[in-house]
Amino acid sequence: MSNYKVEFSPAALRGLKRLSAQERTRILKNIKELAYNPRPHGYRQLSEFEKLFRIRVGDYRIVYSIKEGILTVSIVKIGHRSKVYKKLG
């Protein structure tokens, strides 16, 4: 399987900076895995946004899109499950 390039939106980078070092490490590990498999076990397509997906990492969510033509995973937002879906799109 080809490796995907991973890019971060400014909102995703802000969300990453707000996390504790331990949570940040867990999130980044999962993001690295998205480069090899952008559709891992447990991923879900967001019902309100057909081009967005999410994976769970404990109480946190990584919201991302997949650009198949250019093999890119775009991390849109990272945050706690209670807040991450607000102001999407």
N, C-alpha and C. Protein backbone atom coordinates (compact mmCIF):
# COMPACT_ATOMS: atom_id res chain seq x y z
N MET A 1 0.84 -1.18 0.00
CA MET A 1 0.00 0.00 0.00
C MET A 1 0.88 1.24 0.00
N SER A 2 0.49 2.24 -0.74
CA SER A 2 1.26 3.48 -0.81
C SER A 2 1.14 4.28 0.48
N ASN A 3 2.18 5.04 0.77
CA ASN A 3 2.13 5.94 1.90
C ASN A 3 1.44 7.23 1.49
N TYR A 4 0.60 7.73 2.37
CA TYR A 4 -0.08 9.00 2.16
C TYR A 4 0.72 10.09 2.85
N LYS A 5 0.69 11.26 2.27
CA LYS A 5 1.27 12.44 2.90
C LYS A 5 0.23 12.94 3.91
N VAL A 6 0.68 13.39 5.06
CA VAL A 6 -0.22 13.91 6.09
C VAL A 6 0.00 15.41 6.21
N GLU A 7 -1.10 16.18 6.12
CA GLU A 7 -1.02 17.63 6.30
C GLU A 7 -2.01 18.05 7.38
N PHE A 8 -1.67 19.14 8.07
CA PHE A 8 -2.48 19.63 9.18
C PHE A 8 -3.07 20.99 8.86
N SER A 9 -4.33 21.19 9.21
CA SER A 9 -4.94 22.52 9.11
C SER A 9 -4.48 23.32 10.32
N PRO A 10 -4.57 24.65 10.25
CA PRO A 10 -4.22 25.47 11.43
C PRO A 10 -5.06 25.09 12.66
N ALA A 11 -6.34 24.77 12.46
CA ALA A 11 -7.20 24.38 13.58
C ALA A 11 -6.72 23.08 14.22
N ALA A 12 -6.26 22.13 13.39
CA ALA A 12 -5.75 20.87 13.93
C ALA A 12 -4.48 21.10 14.74
N LEU A 13 -3.60 21.96 14.25
CA LEU A 13 -2.37 22.27 14.99
C LEU A 13 -2.69 22.94 16.32
N ARG A 14 -3.67 23.84 16.34
CA ARG A 14 -4.08 24.48 17.61
C ARG A 14 -4.61 23.42 18.57
N GLY A 15 -5.42 22.51 18.07
CA GLY A 15 -5.96 21.45 18.92
C GLY A 15 -4.87 20.56 19.49
N LEU A 16 -3.88 20.27 18.68
CA LEU A 16 -2.76 19.44 19.12
C LEU A 16 -1.97 20.13 20.23
N LYS A 17 -1.77 21.43 20.10
CA LYS A 17 -1.00 22.18 21.11
C LYS A 17 -1.71 22.25 22.45
N ARG A 18 -3.03 22.15 22.44
CA ARG A 18 -3.81 22.24 23.69
C ARG A 18 -3.76 20.96 24.51
N LEU A 19 -3.29 19.88 23.94
CA LEU A 19 -3.31 18.59 24.62
C LEU A 19 -2.12 18.44 25.56
N SER A 20 -2.30 17.54 26.53
CA SER A 20 -1.17 17.21 27.41
C SER A 20 -0.14 16.45 26.57
N ALA A 21 1.07 16.37 27.06
CA ALA A 21 2.13 15.67 26.33
C ALA A 21 1.76 14.21 26.09
N GLN A 22 1.15 13.58 27.07
CA GLN A 22 0.76 12.17 26.95
C GLN A 22 -0.31 11.99 25.87
N GLU A 23 -1.33 12.84 25.87
CA GLU A 23 -2.39 12.75 24.86
C GLU A 23 -1.84 13.07 23.47
N ARG A 24 -0.98 14.07 23.40
CA ARG A 24 -0.37 14.46 22.12
C ARG A 24 0.39 13.28 21.50
N THR A 25 1.13 12.55 22.34
CA THR A 25 1.89 11.39 21.86
C THR A 25 0.95 10.33 21.30
N ARG A 26 -0.15 10.06 22.01
CA ARG A 26 -1.12 9.06 21.54
C ARG A 26 -1.75 9.49 20.21
N ILE A 27 -2.12 10.76 20.12
CA ILE A 27 -2.76 11.28 18.91
C ILE A 27 -1.78 11.19 17.73
N LEU A 28 -0.54 11.63 17.93
CA LEU A 28 0.44 11.61 16.83
C LEU A 28 0.75 10.19 16.37
N LYS A 29 0.74 9.24 17.28
CA LYS A 29 0.95 7.84 16.90
C LYS A 29 -0.17 7.39 15.94
N ASN A 30 -1.40 7.75 16.26
CA ASN A 30 -2.53 7.38 15.41
C ASN A 30 -2.48 8.12 14.07
N ILE A 31 -2.03 9.36 14.07
CA ILE A 31 -1.93 10.11 12.82
C ILE A 31 -0.87 9.49 11.91
N LYS A 32 0.25 9.05 12.50
CA LYS A 32 1.29 8.39 11.69
C LYS A 32 0.74 7.13 11.03
N GLU A 33 -0.11 6.41 11.74
CA GLU A 33 -0.72 5.20 11.18
C GLU A 33 -1.66 5.53 10.02
N LEU A 34 -2.28 6.70 10.04
CA LEU A 34 -3.15 7.11 8.93
C LEU A 34 -2.38 7.23 7.62
N ALA A 35 -1.08 7.52 7.70
CA ALA A 35 -0.27 7.64 6.49
C ALA A 35 -0.16 6.29 5.76
N TYR A 36 -0.28 5.20 6.50
CA TYR A 36 -0.20 3.87 5.91
C TYR A 36 -1.58 3.30 5.59
N ASN A 37 -2.55 3.65 6.42
CA ASN A 37 -3.91 3.15 6.24
C ASN A 37 -4.90 4.23 6.66
N PRO A 38 -5.40 5.03 5.71
CA PRO A 38 -6.31 6.11 6.08
C PRO A 38 -7.71 5.64 6.48
N ARG A 39 -7.95 4.35 6.39
CA ARG A 39 -9.24 3.80 6.80
C ARG A 39 -9.01 2.65 7.81
N PRO A 40 -8.50 2.99 9.00
CA PRO A 40 -8.19 1.94 9.98
C PRO A 40 -9.46 1.37 10.60
N HIS A 41 -9.29 0.28 11.30
CA HIS A 41 -10.42 -0.32 12.03
C HIS A 41 -11.01 0.73 12.97
N GLY A 42 -12.31 0.90 12.93
CA GLY A 42 -12.98 1.84 13.82
C GLY A 42 -13.18 3.23 13.25
N TYR A 43 -12.66 3.51 12.04
CA TYR A 43 -12.88 4.83 11.48
C TYR A 43 -14.34 4.97 11.09
N ARG A 44 -14.84 6.20 11.06
CA ARG A 44 -16.24 6.44 10.69
C ARG A 44 -16.31 7.65 9.76
N GLN A 45 -17.23 7.58 8.82
CA GLN A 45 -17.50 8.74 7.98
C GLN A 45 -18.50 9.60 8.74
N LEU A 46 -18.29 10.92 8.76
CA LEU A 46 -19.21 11.80 9.45
C LEU A 46 -20.47 11.94 8.62
N SER A 47 -21.61 11.76 9.24
CA SER A 47 -22.87 11.77 8.49
C SER A 47 -23.20 13.14 7.91
N GLU A 48 -22.81 14.21 8.60
CA GLU A 48 -23.13 15.56 8.12
C GLU A 48 -22.19 16.02 7.00
N PHE A 49 -21.02 15.43 6.92
CA PHE A 49 -20.01 15.85 5.96
C PHE A 49 -19.48 14.61 5.25
N GLU A 50 -19.91 14.40 4.01
CA GLU A 50 -19.59 13.14 3.35
C GLU A 50 -18.10 12.95 3.05
N LYS A 51 -17.32 14.01 3.05
CA LYS A 51 -15.89 13.87 2.74
C LYS A 51 -15.00 13.86 3.99
N LEU A 52 -15.62 13.86 5.18
CA LEU A 52 -14.84 13.86 6.42
C LEU A 52 -15.01 12.54 7.15
N PHE A 53 -13.92 12.13 7.80
CA PHE A 53 -13.88 10.91 8.57
C PHE A 53 -13.35 11.23 9.96
N ARG A 54 -13.53 10.28 10.89
CA ARG A 54 -12.97 10.48 12.22
C ARG A 54 -12.51 9.16 12.77
N ILE A 55 -11.48 9.25 13.62
CA ILE A 55 -11.07 8.10 14.41
C ILE A 55 -11.07 8.53 15.87
N ARG A 56 -11.29 7.57 16.74
CA ARG A 56 -11.31 7.81 18.18
C ARG A 56 -9.95 7.49 18.77
N VAL A 57 -9.53 8.34 19.68
CA VAL A 57 -8.32 8.06 20.48
C VAL A 57 -8.71 8.43 21.91
N GLY A 58 -9.22 7.45 22.64
CA GLY A 58 -9.75 7.73 23.98
C GLY A 58 -10.94 8.67 23.88
N ASP A 59 -10.90 9.77 24.63
CA ASP A 59 -11.98 10.77 24.60
C ASP A 59 -11.77 11.81 23.51
N TYR A 60 -10.73 11.64 22.71
CA TYR A 60 -10.41 12.62 21.67
C TYR A 60 -10.76 12.06 20.30
N ARG A 61 -10.95 12.98 19.36
CA ARG A 61 -11.26 12.60 17.98
C ARG A 61 -10.32 13.30 17.03
N ILE A 62 -9.95 12.60 15.98
CA ILE A 62 -9.17 13.17 14.88
C ILE A 62 -10.11 13.19 13.68
N VAL A 63 -10.41 14.39 13.19
CA VAL A 63 -11.29 14.54 12.03
C VAL A 63 -10.39 14.83 10.84
N TYR A 64 -10.60 14.10 9.74
CA TYR A 64 -9.71 14.23 8.59
C TYR A 64 -10.43 13.95 7.29
N SER A 65 -9.78 14.34 6.19
CA SER A 65 -10.28 14.01 4.86
C SER A 65 -9.20 13.23 4.13
N ILE A 66 -9.62 12.48 3.12
CA ILE A 66 -8.70 11.67 2.32
C ILE A 66 -8.76 12.16 0.89
N LYS A 67 -7.61 12.52 0.34
CA LYS A 67 -7.53 12.93 -1.06
C LYS A 67 -6.82 11.82 -1.82
N GLU A 68 -7.61 10.92 -2.39
CA GLU A 68 -7.06 9.72 -3.05
C GLU A 68 -6.17 10.06 -4.24
N GLY A 69 -6.58 11.05 -5.05
CA GLY A 69 -5.84 11.37 -6.26
C GLY A 69 -4.40 11.77 -6.01
N ILE A 70 -4.16 12.45 -4.88
CA ILE A 70 -2.80 12.91 -4.57
C ILE A 70 -2.24 12.23 -3.31
N LEU A 71 -2.91 11.15 -2.88
CA LEU A 71 -2.47 10.36 -1.72
C LEU A 71 -2.13 11.24 -0.52
N THR A 72 -3.13 12.01 -0.08
CA THR A 72 -2.94 12.92 1.05
C THR A 72 -4.05 12.72 2.08
N VAL A 73 -3.68 12.72 3.34
CA VAL A 73 -4.63 12.73 4.45
C VAL A 73 -4.52 14.12 5.07
N SER A 74 -5.62 14.86 5.08
CA SER A 74 -5.64 16.21 5.65
C SER A 74 -6.32 16.17 7.01
N ILE A 75 -5.55 16.45 8.04
CA ILE A 75 -6.11 16.48 9.40
C ILE A 75 -6.83 17.83 9.55
N VAL A 76 -8.13 17.77 9.74
CA VAL A 76 -8.96 18.98 9.78
C VAL A 76 -9.05 19.53 11.19
N LYS A 77 -9.29 18.65 12.17
CA LYS A 77 -9.48 19.11 13.54
C LYS A 77 -9.13 17.99 14.51
N ILE A 78 -8.60 18.37 15.66
CA ILE A 78 -8.28 17.43 16.74
C ILE A 78 -8.85 18.03 18.01
N GLY A 79 -9.60 17.23 18.76
CA GLY A 79 -10.14 17.77 20.00
C GLY A 79 -10.93 16.76 20.79
N HIS A 80 -11.39 17.21 21.95
CA HIS A 80 -12.21 16.39 22.82
C HIS A 80 -13.53 16.09 22.14
N ARG A 81 -14.06 14.91 22.38
CA ARG A 81 -15.28 14.48 21.69
C ARG A 81 -16.46 15.41 21.92
N SER A 82 -16.48 16.13 23.04
CA SER A 82 -17.60 17.02 23.32
C SER A 82 -17.55 18.32 22.53
N LYS A 83 -16.38 18.66 21.97
CA LYS A 83 -16.23 19.95 21.29
C LYS A 83 -15.77 19.86 19.85
N VAL A 84 -15.22 18.75 19.43
CA VAL A 84 -14.54 18.68 18.14
C VAL A 84 -15.46 18.89 16.94
N TYR A 85 -16.74 18.54 17.08
CA TYR A 85 -17.65 18.63 15.93
C TYR A 85 -18.27 20.02 15.77
N LYS A 86 -18.12 20.87 16.78
CA LYS A 86 -18.66 22.24 16.68
C LYS A 86 -17.82 23.05 15.71
N LYS A 87 -18.47 23.87 14.92
CA LYS A 87 -17.81 24.74 13.94
C LYS A 87 -17.05 23.98 12.87
N LEU A 88 -17.51 22.78 12.54
CA LEU A 88 -16.92 22.05 11.41
C LEU A 88 -17.62 22.51 10.14
N GLY A 89 -16.87 22.81 9.13
CA GLY A 89 -17.48 23.21 7.85
C GLY A 89 -18.08 24.55 7.99
